[in-house]
Amino acid sequence: TELTYNEVMGDWRTHNGMDISAALGTEVLAAADGVVESISNDPVTGTTLTLTHSGGLSTVYGNLDPDTLSVAEGDSVTVGQSLACVGSSAGEQSGEGAFLHFAVTLDGEEVNLTPLEYSILKLLIESPGKVFSSDEIYQAVWNDTPYGANATVAVHIRHLREKLEIDP
């Protein structure tokens, strides 16, 4: 985990996961099927919800509006199910504008994904069971014409597998 400079707090700190710019009230959806492990009020990420998934994976959603939570601890959820809405509960970071804090863990350890890896993972999670060609992934994630994209996509998929699979 790298140190990043926090403009609001005026100091350097670790920051796991990523903050995704989103308007207040934007619906937050489950990234995959799972179970609500916990809902807590974190001093940094505000109202935070953790889902556990198969294979030791967990996803973490922070800066939620606590008044919009539509699930409770122990609930089973399906991919794409509404969990809550983006709020302003992350007090320390309130000067950064509205955002969703999103992180992935594997067996309790933070998985550091690049923004492109998060985008690929999001694409795959949103379409369970769908088989994508390299060109389709490239076009969806890079939003560009996929000329010779096979190697580029293969490298990013390999990095994702190395980070998320026990035996890739």
Protein backbone atom coordinates (compact mmCIF):
# COMPACT_ATOMS: atom_id res chain seq x y z
CA THR A 1 0.00 0.00 0.00
CA GLU A 2 1.38 3.40 -1.01
CA LEU A 3 1.31 6.65 0.92
CA THR A 4 -0.85 9.32 -0.72
CA TYR A 5 -1.13 12.98 0.19
CA ASN A 6 -4.53 13.90 1.65
CA GLU A 7 -5.27 17.51 0.65
CA VAL A 8 -8.08 17.88 3.20
CA MET A 9 -6.07 16.57 6.17
CA GLY A 10 -2.75 18.01 4.96
CA ASP A 11 -0.77 14.83 5.58
CA TRP A 12 0.50 11.61 4.00
CA ARG A 13 -1.40 8.38 4.73
CA THR A 14 -2.10 4.96 3.31
CA HIS A 15 -5.21 4.66 1.22
CA ASN A 16 -6.49 1.22 0.37
CA GLY A 17 -8.92 0.78 -2.48
CA MET A 18 -10.05 3.69 -4.56
CA ASP A 19 -12.40 6.63 -4.33
CA ILE A 20 -14.76 6.80 -7.29
CA SER A 21 -16.25 10.20 -8.00
CA ALA A 22 -20.06 9.99 -7.85
CA ALA A 23 -22.93 12.36 -7.21
CA LEU A 24 -24.59 12.34 -3.79
CA GLY A 25 -27.47 9.90 -3.90
CA THR A 26 -25.98 7.68 -6.61
CA GLU A 27 -27.16 4.11 -6.09
CA VAL A 28 -24.41 1.70 -4.95
CA LEU A 29 -24.77 -1.85 -6.30
CA ALA A 30 -23.24 -5.15 -5.17
CA ALA A 31 -20.23 -6.07 -7.29
CA ALA A 32 -20.97 -9.79 -6.96
CA ASP A 33 -23.20 -12.28 -5.15
CA GLY A 34 -22.37 -12.42 -1.46
CA VAL A 35 -23.40 -11.90 2.14
CA VAL A 36 -23.37 -8.65 4.12
CA GLU A 37 -20.57 -9.28 6.61
CA SER A 38 -20.66 -5.93 8.38
CA ILE A 39 -22.00 -2.40 8.37
CA SER A 40 -19.97 0.04 10.44
CA ASN A 41 -19.15 3.69 10.92
CA ASP A 42 -15.46 4.10 10.12
CA PRO A 43 -13.75 7.39 11.10
CA VAL A 44 -12.12 7.66 7.66
CA THR A 45 -14.54 5.98 5.22
CA GLY A 46 -17.77 6.82 7.03
CA THR A 47 -20.67 4.39 6.80
CA THR A 48 -18.96 1.30 5.40
CA LEU A 49 -20.48 -1.97 4.21
CA THR A 50 -18.47 -5.16 3.63
CA LEU A 51 -19.69 -8.05 1.49
CA THR A 52 -18.07 -11.48 1.55
CA HIS A 53 -17.99 -13.51 -1.66
CA SER A 54 -16.81 -16.97 -2.61
CA GLY A 55 -13.12 -17.77 -2.79
CA GLY A 56 -12.12 -15.55 0.14
CA LEU A 57 -12.97 -12.33 -1.69
CA SER A 58 -14.63 -9.37 0.02
CA THR A 59 -15.70 -6.00 -1.35
CA VAL A 60 -15.86 -2.85 0.77
CA TYR A 61 -18.12 0.12 0.05
CA GLY A 62 -17.58 3.34 2.02
CA ASN A 63 -18.98 6.87 2.31
CA LEU A 64 -22.53 5.55 2.14
CA ASP A 65 -25.62 7.45 3.23
CA PRO A 66 -26.73 5.49 6.33
CA ASP A 67 -30.37 6.51 5.78
CA THR A 68 -30.45 4.70 2.42
CA LEU A 69 -29.08 1.29 3.49
CA SER A 70 -31.31 -1.37 1.94
CA VAL A 71 -29.57 -4.41 3.46
CA ALA A 72 -28.61 -5.60 6.94
CA GLU A 73 -25.79 -7.71 8.34
CA GLY A 74 -26.29 -11.35 7.36
CA ASP A 75 -28.41 -10.59 4.29
CA SER A 76 -27.61 -12.44 1.06
CA VAL A 77 -27.23 -10.17 -1.96
CA THR A 78 -26.98 -10.74 -5.70
CA VAL A 79 -24.77 -8.99 -8.24
CA GLY A 80 -26.27 -5.62 -9.12
CA GLN A 81 -28.52 -5.46 -6.05
CA SER A 82 -28.89 -2.02 -4.49
CA LEU A 83 -27.01 -1.67 -1.18
CA ALA A 84 -27.32 2.05 -0.40
CA CYS A 85 -26.59 5.43 -1.95
CA VAL A 86 -23.43 7.53 -2.01
CA GLY A 87 -23.45 9.87 0.96
CA SER A 88 -21.21 12.28 2.81
CA SER A 89 -20.47 10.15 5.86
CA ALA A 90 -16.68 10.15 5.34
CA GLY A 91 -16.18 13.29 7.40
CA GLU A 92 -12.38 13.51 7.06
CA GLN A 93 -12.60 13.55 3.30
CA SER A 94 -15.66 15.75 2.94
CA GLY A 95 -13.65 18.44 1.11
CA GLU A 96 -12.97 16.05 -1.76
CA GLY A 97 -16.49 16.08 -3.21
CA ALA A 98 -18.93 13.18 -3.36
CA PHE A 99 -17.42 9.73 -3.92
CA LEU A 100 -17.79 6.02 -3.28
CA HIS A 101 -14.87 4.35 -1.51
CA PHE A 102 -14.42 0.86 -3.00
CA ALA A 103 -11.88 -1.80 -2.03
CA VAL A 104 -11.30 -5.51 -2.60
CA THR A 105 -9.72 -7.94 -0.13
CA LEU A 106 -8.64 -11.55 -0.51
CA ASP A 107 -8.53 -13.60 2.69
CA GLY A 108 -8.54 -10.36 4.68
CA GLU A 109 -5.59 -8.83 2.84
CA GLU A 110 -6.05 -5.67 0.79
CA VAL A 111 -5.81 -6.25 -2.97
CA ASN A 112 -4.26 -3.25 -4.69
CA LEU A 113 -5.84 -2.98 -8.11
CA THR A 114 -5.08 -0.32 -10.70
CA PRO A 115 -7.97 1.75 -12.07
CA LEU A 116 -7.86 -0.31 -15.29
CA GLU A 117 -7.98 -3.56 -13.28
CA TYR A 118 -10.98 -2.23 -11.33
CA SER A 119 -12.67 -1.36 -14.64
CA ILE A 120 -12.06 -4.83 -16.08
CA LEU A 121 -13.25 -6.48 -12.86
CA LYS A 122 -16.37 -4.31 -12.86
CA LEU A 123 -17.12 -5.25 -16.48
CA LEU A 124 -16.77 -8.97 -15.75
CA ILE A 125 -18.75 -8.83 -12.50
CA GLU A 126 -21.61 -6.96 -14.17
CA SER A 127 -22.01 -9.76 -16.73
CA PRO A 128 -21.74 -13.08 -14.87
CA GLY A 129 -21.43 -16.04 -17.21
CA LYS A 130 -20.75 -13.89 -20.28
CA VAL A 131 -17.63 -14.67 -22.27
CA PHE A 132 -15.88 -11.54 -23.59
CA SER A 133 -13.38 -11.35 -26.43
CA SER A 134 -10.24 -9.27 -25.91
CA ASP A 135 -11.62 -6.74 -28.36
CA GLU A 136 -14.87 -6.40 -26.39
CA ILE A 137 -12.98 -5.88 -23.12
CA TYR A 138 -10.65 -3.34 -24.71
CA GLN A 139 -13.47 -1.38 -26.30
CA ALA A 140 -15.52 -1.34 -23.06
CA VAL A 141 -12.67 -0.48 -20.67
CA TRP A 142 -10.38 1.72 -22.79
CA ASN A 143 -13.31 3.16 -24.78
CA ASP A 144 -11.22 2.95 -27.92
CA THR A 145 -11.01 0.95 -31.12
CA PRO A 146 -9.30 -2.37 -30.29
CA TYR A 147 -6.48 -2.57 -32.86
CA GLY A 148 -4.24 -5.44 -31.74
CA ALA A 149 -5.63 -5.38 -28.20
CA ASN A 150 -5.10 -9.08 -27.41
CA ALA A 151 -1.72 -8.70 -25.70
CA THR A 152 -2.77 -5.60 -23.74
CA VAL A 153 -5.92 -7.23 -22.40
CA ALA A 154 -4.11 -10.52 -21.70
CA VAL A 155 -1.52 -8.75 -19.53
CA HIS A 156 -4.18 -6.95 -17.49
CA ILE A 157 -6.23 -10.15 -17.05
CA ARG A 158 -3.07 -12.00 -15.97
CA HIS A 159 -2.36 -9.29 -13.36
CA LEU A 160 -5.94 -9.53 -12.09
CA ARG A 161 -5.67 -13.32 -11.81
CA GLU A 162 -2.33 -13.07 -9.96
CA LYS A 163 -3.91 -10.70 -7.44
CA LEU A 164 -7.26 -12.45 -6.98
CA GLU A 165 -6.71 -16.17 -7.46
CA ILE A 166 -5.04 -18.44 -4.95
CA ASP A 167 -3.43 -20.53 -7.73
CA PRO A 168 -3.70 -18.53 -11.00
